[in-house]
C-alpha cells in the first residue's frame, strides 16, 4: 500500500502540508521498518522533503510512537521528548 493511501486520509485543515510530502508516493513499509528494520531509506527520503519540519513538529506534537516522521526514528523522537520534558 502506498503511503499516500494511508497517510493522506486527513482533514486538510489539520495538516495542509501533507500534499507536498516527499513520501506521498512511497510504500508505507519503508517508513515503518519494525524494531529490527533499517530506517535509512526512509530517513533519506525525508531529508529531501520540503515539509520535513512540519511533519516532525506534527509527529512530536501528537506523540506518534511508530515509524519514521520528519526524518527521525522512533528512538530519536523519544530521546528528544525526554530532553524537552
N, C-alpha and C. Protein backbone atom coordinates (compact mmCIF):
# COMPACT_ATOMS: atom_id res chain seq x y z
N UNK A 1 0.85 -1.18 0.00
CA UNK A 1 0.00 0.00 0.00
C UNK A 1 0.89 1.23 0.00
N UNK A 2 0.62 2.14 -0.86
CA UNK A 2 1.38 3.39 -0.91
C UNK A 2 1.04 4.23 0.31
N UNK A 3 2.01 4.93 0.79
CA UNK A 3 1.80 5.76 1.97
C UNK A 3 0.69 6.77 1.73
N UNK A 4 0.56 7.23 0.51
CA UNK A 4 -0.46 8.23 0.21
C UNK A 4 -1.86 7.74 0.54
N UNK A 5 -2.13 6.46 0.37
CA UNK A 5 -3.46 5.92 0.64
C UNK A 5 -3.75 5.88 2.13
N UNK A 6 -2.75 5.66 2.93
CA UNK A 6 -2.93 5.55 4.37
C UNK A 6 -2.72 6.89 5.08
N UNK A 7 -1.65 7.56 4.74
CA UNK A 7 -1.22 8.76 5.44
C UNK A 7 -2.02 10.00 5.07
N UNK A 8 -2.49 10.07 3.85
CA UNK A 8 -3.12 11.29 3.39
C UNK A 8 -4.62 11.33 3.59
N UNK A 9 -5.18 10.34 4.22
CA UNK A 9 -6.59 10.41 4.57
C UNK A 9 -6.66 11.29 5.81
N UNK A 10 -6.91 12.56 5.60
CA UNK A 10 -6.82 13.52 6.69
C UNK A 10 -7.72 14.72 6.43
N UNK A 11 -7.87 15.51 7.43
CA UNK A 11 -8.58 16.78 7.32
C UNK A 11 -7.57 17.81 6.82
N UNK A 12 -7.78 18.36 5.60
CA UNK A 12 -6.79 19.30 5.05
C UNK A 12 -6.60 20.55 5.91
N UNK A 13 -7.56 20.85 6.76
CA UNK A 13 -7.38 22.00 7.65
C UNK A 13 -6.40 21.66 8.78
N UNK A 14 -6.31 20.39 9.12
CA UNK A 14 -5.43 19.96 10.20
C UNK A 14 -3.97 19.87 9.74
N UNK A 15 -3.74 19.28 8.56
CA UNK A 15 -2.38 19.08 8.06
C UNK A 15 -2.30 19.42 6.56
N UNK A 16 -2.41 20.67 6.19
CA UNK A 16 -2.39 21.00 4.76
C UNK A 16 -1.05 20.71 4.09
N UNK A 17 0.00 20.60 4.86
CA UNK A 17 1.34 20.38 4.33
C UNK A 17 1.51 19.00 3.70
N UNK A 18 0.66 18.03 4.02
CA UNK A 18 0.88 16.67 3.52
C UNK A 18 0.81 16.54 2.01
N UNK A 19 0.14 17.46 1.35
CA UNK A 19 0.07 17.38 -0.12
C UNK A 19 1.43 17.58 -0.76
N UNK A 20 2.37 18.15 -0.03
CA UNK A 20 3.73 18.39 -0.54
C UNK A 20 4.76 17.41 0.02
N UNK A 21 4.30 16.41 0.77
CA UNK A 21 5.22 15.48 1.42
C UNK A 21 5.97 14.63 0.40
N UNK A 22 7.26 14.49 0.61
CA UNK A 22 8.10 13.70 -0.29
C UNK A 22 7.80 12.22 -0.25
N UNK A 23 7.10 11.76 0.78
CA UNK A 23 6.81 10.34 0.93
C UNK A 23 5.46 9.94 0.33
N UNK A 24 4.73 10.86 -0.21
CA UNK A 24 3.35 10.60 -0.60
C UNK A 24 3.17 9.47 -1.60
N UNK A 25 4.19 9.15 -2.38
CA UNK A 25 4.09 8.06 -3.34
C UNK A 25 4.94 6.85 -2.94
N UNK A 26 5.40 6.84 -1.71
CA UNK A 26 6.28 5.77 -1.24
C UNK A 26 5.47 4.67 -0.55
N UNK A 27 6.07 3.51 -0.48
CA UNK A 27 5.47 2.38 0.21
C UNK A 27 5.55 2.64 1.72
N UNK A 28 4.44 2.46 2.41
CA UNK A 28 4.39 2.70 3.86
C UNK A 28 5.39 1.83 4.61
N UNK A 29 5.66 0.63 4.12
CA UNK A 29 6.61 -0.25 4.80
C UNK A 29 7.99 0.38 4.94
N UNK A 30 8.34 1.25 4.04
CA UNK A 30 9.63 1.95 4.11
C UNK A 30 9.71 2.79 5.36
N UNK A 31 8.59 3.38 5.77
CA UNK A 31 8.57 4.29 6.91
C UNK A 31 8.19 3.61 8.23
N UNK A 32 7.85 2.33 8.15
CA UNK A 32 7.53 1.54 9.33
C UNK A 32 8.31 0.24 9.27
N UNK A 33 9.66 0.32 9.42
CA UNK A 33 10.51 -0.84 9.22
C UNK A 33 10.48 -1.88 10.34
N UNK A 34 9.83 -1.62 11.43
CA UNK A 34 9.80 -2.57 12.54
C UNK A 34 11.00 -2.39 13.44
N UNK A 35 11.00 -3.08 14.56
CA UNK A 35 12.06 -2.88 15.57
C UNK A 35 13.47 -3.21 15.08
N UNK A 36 13.60 -4.20 14.22
CA UNK A 36 14.93 -4.57 13.73
C UNK A 36 15.17 -4.13 12.30
N UNK A 37 14.24 -3.34 11.76
CA UNK A 37 14.35 -2.91 10.36
C UNK A 37 15.29 -1.74 10.18
N UNK A 38 15.62 -1.49 8.94
CA UNK A 38 16.53 -0.42 8.58
C UNK A 38 15.73 0.80 8.13
N UNK A 39 15.88 1.91 8.81
CA UNK A 39 15.15 3.13 8.51
C UNK A 39 15.93 4.06 7.59
N UNK A 40 17.07 3.64 7.11
CA UNK A 40 17.95 4.53 6.34
C UNK A 40 17.28 5.10 5.09
N UNK A 41 16.58 4.28 4.32
CA UNK A 41 15.92 4.77 3.11
C UNK A 41 14.86 5.81 3.46
N UNK A 42 14.07 5.54 4.48
CA UNK A 42 13.03 6.49 4.88
C UNK A 42 13.63 7.83 5.31
N UNK A 43 14.68 7.77 6.08
CA UNK A 43 15.35 9.00 6.54
C UNK A 43 15.90 9.77 5.35
N UNK A 44 16.47 9.07 4.37
CA UNK A 44 16.98 9.75 3.17
C UNK A 44 15.86 10.43 2.39
N UNK A 45 14.72 9.78 2.28
CA UNK A 45 13.57 10.39 1.60
C UNK A 45 13.15 11.64 2.35
N UNK A 46 13.10 11.56 3.65
CA UNK A 46 12.69 12.70 4.48
C UNK A 46 13.65 13.88 4.35
N UNK A 47 14.93 13.61 4.24
CA UNK A 47 15.91 14.69 4.18
C UNK A 47 15.71 15.58 2.96
N UNK A 48 15.13 15.05 1.90
CA UNK A 48 14.87 15.85 0.71
C UNK A 48 13.45 16.39 0.65
N UNK A 49 12.70 16.22 1.70
CA UNK A 49 11.28 16.60 1.71
C UNK A 49 11.10 18.09 2.05
N UNK A 50 10.28 18.79 1.27
CA UNK A 50 10.07 20.21 1.53
C UNK A 50 9.24 20.50 2.79
N UNK A 51 8.57 19.50 3.34
CA UNK A 51 7.75 19.73 4.54
C UNK A 51 8.23 18.88 5.71
N UNK A 52 9.51 18.54 5.69
CA UNK A 52 10.08 17.70 6.74
C UNK A 52 9.86 18.27 8.13
N UNK A 53 10.09 19.56 8.31
CA UNK A 53 9.95 20.16 9.63
C UNK A 53 8.50 20.14 10.11
N UNK A 54 7.56 20.40 9.23
CA UNK A 54 6.14 20.36 9.59
C UNK A 54 5.75 18.95 10.03
N UNK A 55 6.26 17.97 9.30
CA UNK A 55 5.98 16.57 9.61
C UNK A 55 6.55 16.20 10.98
N UNK A 56 7.77 16.59 11.23
CA UNK A 56 8.41 16.30 12.51
C UNK A 56 7.68 17.00 13.64
N UNK A 57 7.35 18.27 13.46
CA UNK A 57 6.63 19.00 14.50
C UNK A 57 5.31 18.33 14.83
N UNK A 58 4.59 17.88 13.80
CA UNK A 58 3.30 17.23 13.99
C UNK A 58 3.48 15.91 14.74
N UNK A 59 4.47 15.12 14.33
CA UNK A 59 4.72 13.82 14.98
C UNK A 59 5.06 13.99 16.45
N UNK A 60 5.82 15.01 16.77
CA UNK A 60 6.17 15.27 18.17
C UNK A 60 4.96 15.80 18.94
N UNK A 61 4.21 16.69 18.31
CA UNK A 61 3.05 17.27 18.97
C UNK A 61 2.02 16.22 19.37
N UNK A 62 1.74 15.28 18.48
CA UNK A 62 0.74 14.27 18.82
C UNK A 62 1.38 12.97 19.33
N UNK A 63 2.69 13.00 19.46
CA UNK A 63 3.46 11.90 20.04
C UNK A 63 3.27 10.57 19.31
N UNK A 64 3.57 10.62 18.01
CA UNK A 64 3.50 9.40 17.22
C UNK A 64 4.62 8.48 17.68
N UNK A 65 4.25 7.28 18.07
CA UNK A 65 5.21 6.35 18.65
C UNK A 65 5.95 5.49 17.63
N UNK A 66 5.39 5.29 16.45
CA UNK A 66 5.96 4.35 15.49
C UNK A 66 6.31 5.01 14.17
N UNK A 67 7.32 4.49 13.53
CA UNK A 67 7.66 4.91 12.19
C UNK A 67 8.66 6.06 12.13
N UNK A 68 9.01 6.38 10.89
CA UNK A 68 9.91 7.50 10.61
C UNK A 68 9.05 8.68 10.20
N UNK A 69 9.22 9.79 10.90
CA UNK A 69 8.45 11.01 10.64
C UNK A 69 9.41 12.18 10.68
N UNK A 70 9.37 13.03 9.69
CA UNK A 70 10.24 14.20 9.66
C UNK A 70 11.71 13.85 9.71
N UNK A 71 12.06 12.69 9.21
CA UNK A 71 13.46 12.29 9.18
C UNK A 71 13.98 11.74 10.49
N UNK A 72 13.09 11.44 11.43
CA UNK A 72 13.52 10.90 12.72
C UNK A 72 12.91 9.53 12.96
N UNK A 73 13.65 8.71 13.65
CA UNK A 73 13.16 7.39 14.02
C UNK A 73 12.40 7.50 15.35
N UNK A 74 11.75 6.41 15.71
CA UNK A 74 11.02 6.36 16.97
C UNK A 74 11.94 6.68 18.14
N UNK A 75 13.12 6.08 18.13
CA UNK A 75 14.09 6.27 19.22
C UNK A 75 14.53 7.74 19.30
N UNK A 76 14.78 8.36 18.16
CA UNK A 76 15.22 9.76 18.16
C UNK A 76 14.13 10.68 18.71
N UNK A 77 12.88 10.41 18.36
CA UNK A 77 11.80 11.25 18.89
C UNK A 77 11.61 11.04 20.38
N UNK A 78 11.74 9.81 20.86
CA UNK A 78 11.64 9.56 22.31
C UNK A 78 12.74 10.30 23.06
N UNK A 79 13.94 10.23 22.51
CA UNK A 79 15.08 10.92 23.14
C UNK A 79 14.83 12.43 23.19
N UNK A 80 14.33 12.98 22.09
CA UNK A 80 14.02 14.42 22.03
C UNK A 80 12.97 14.78 23.09
N UNK A 81 11.93 13.98 23.19
CA UNK A 81 10.87 14.26 24.16
C UNK A 81 11.37 14.20 25.59
N UNK A 82 12.26 13.27 25.87
CA UNK A 82 12.83 13.19 27.22
C UNK A 82 13.67 14.43 27.55
N UNK A 83 14.42 14.89 26.56
CA UNK A 83 15.27 16.07 26.78
C UNK A 83 14.43 17.34 27.00
N UNK A 84 13.30 17.43 26.33
CA UNK A 84 12.49 18.65 26.43
C UNK A 84 11.46 18.59 27.55
N UNK A 85 11.36 17.44 28.22
CA UNK A 85 10.36 17.31 29.30
C UNK A 85 10.77 18.06 30.54
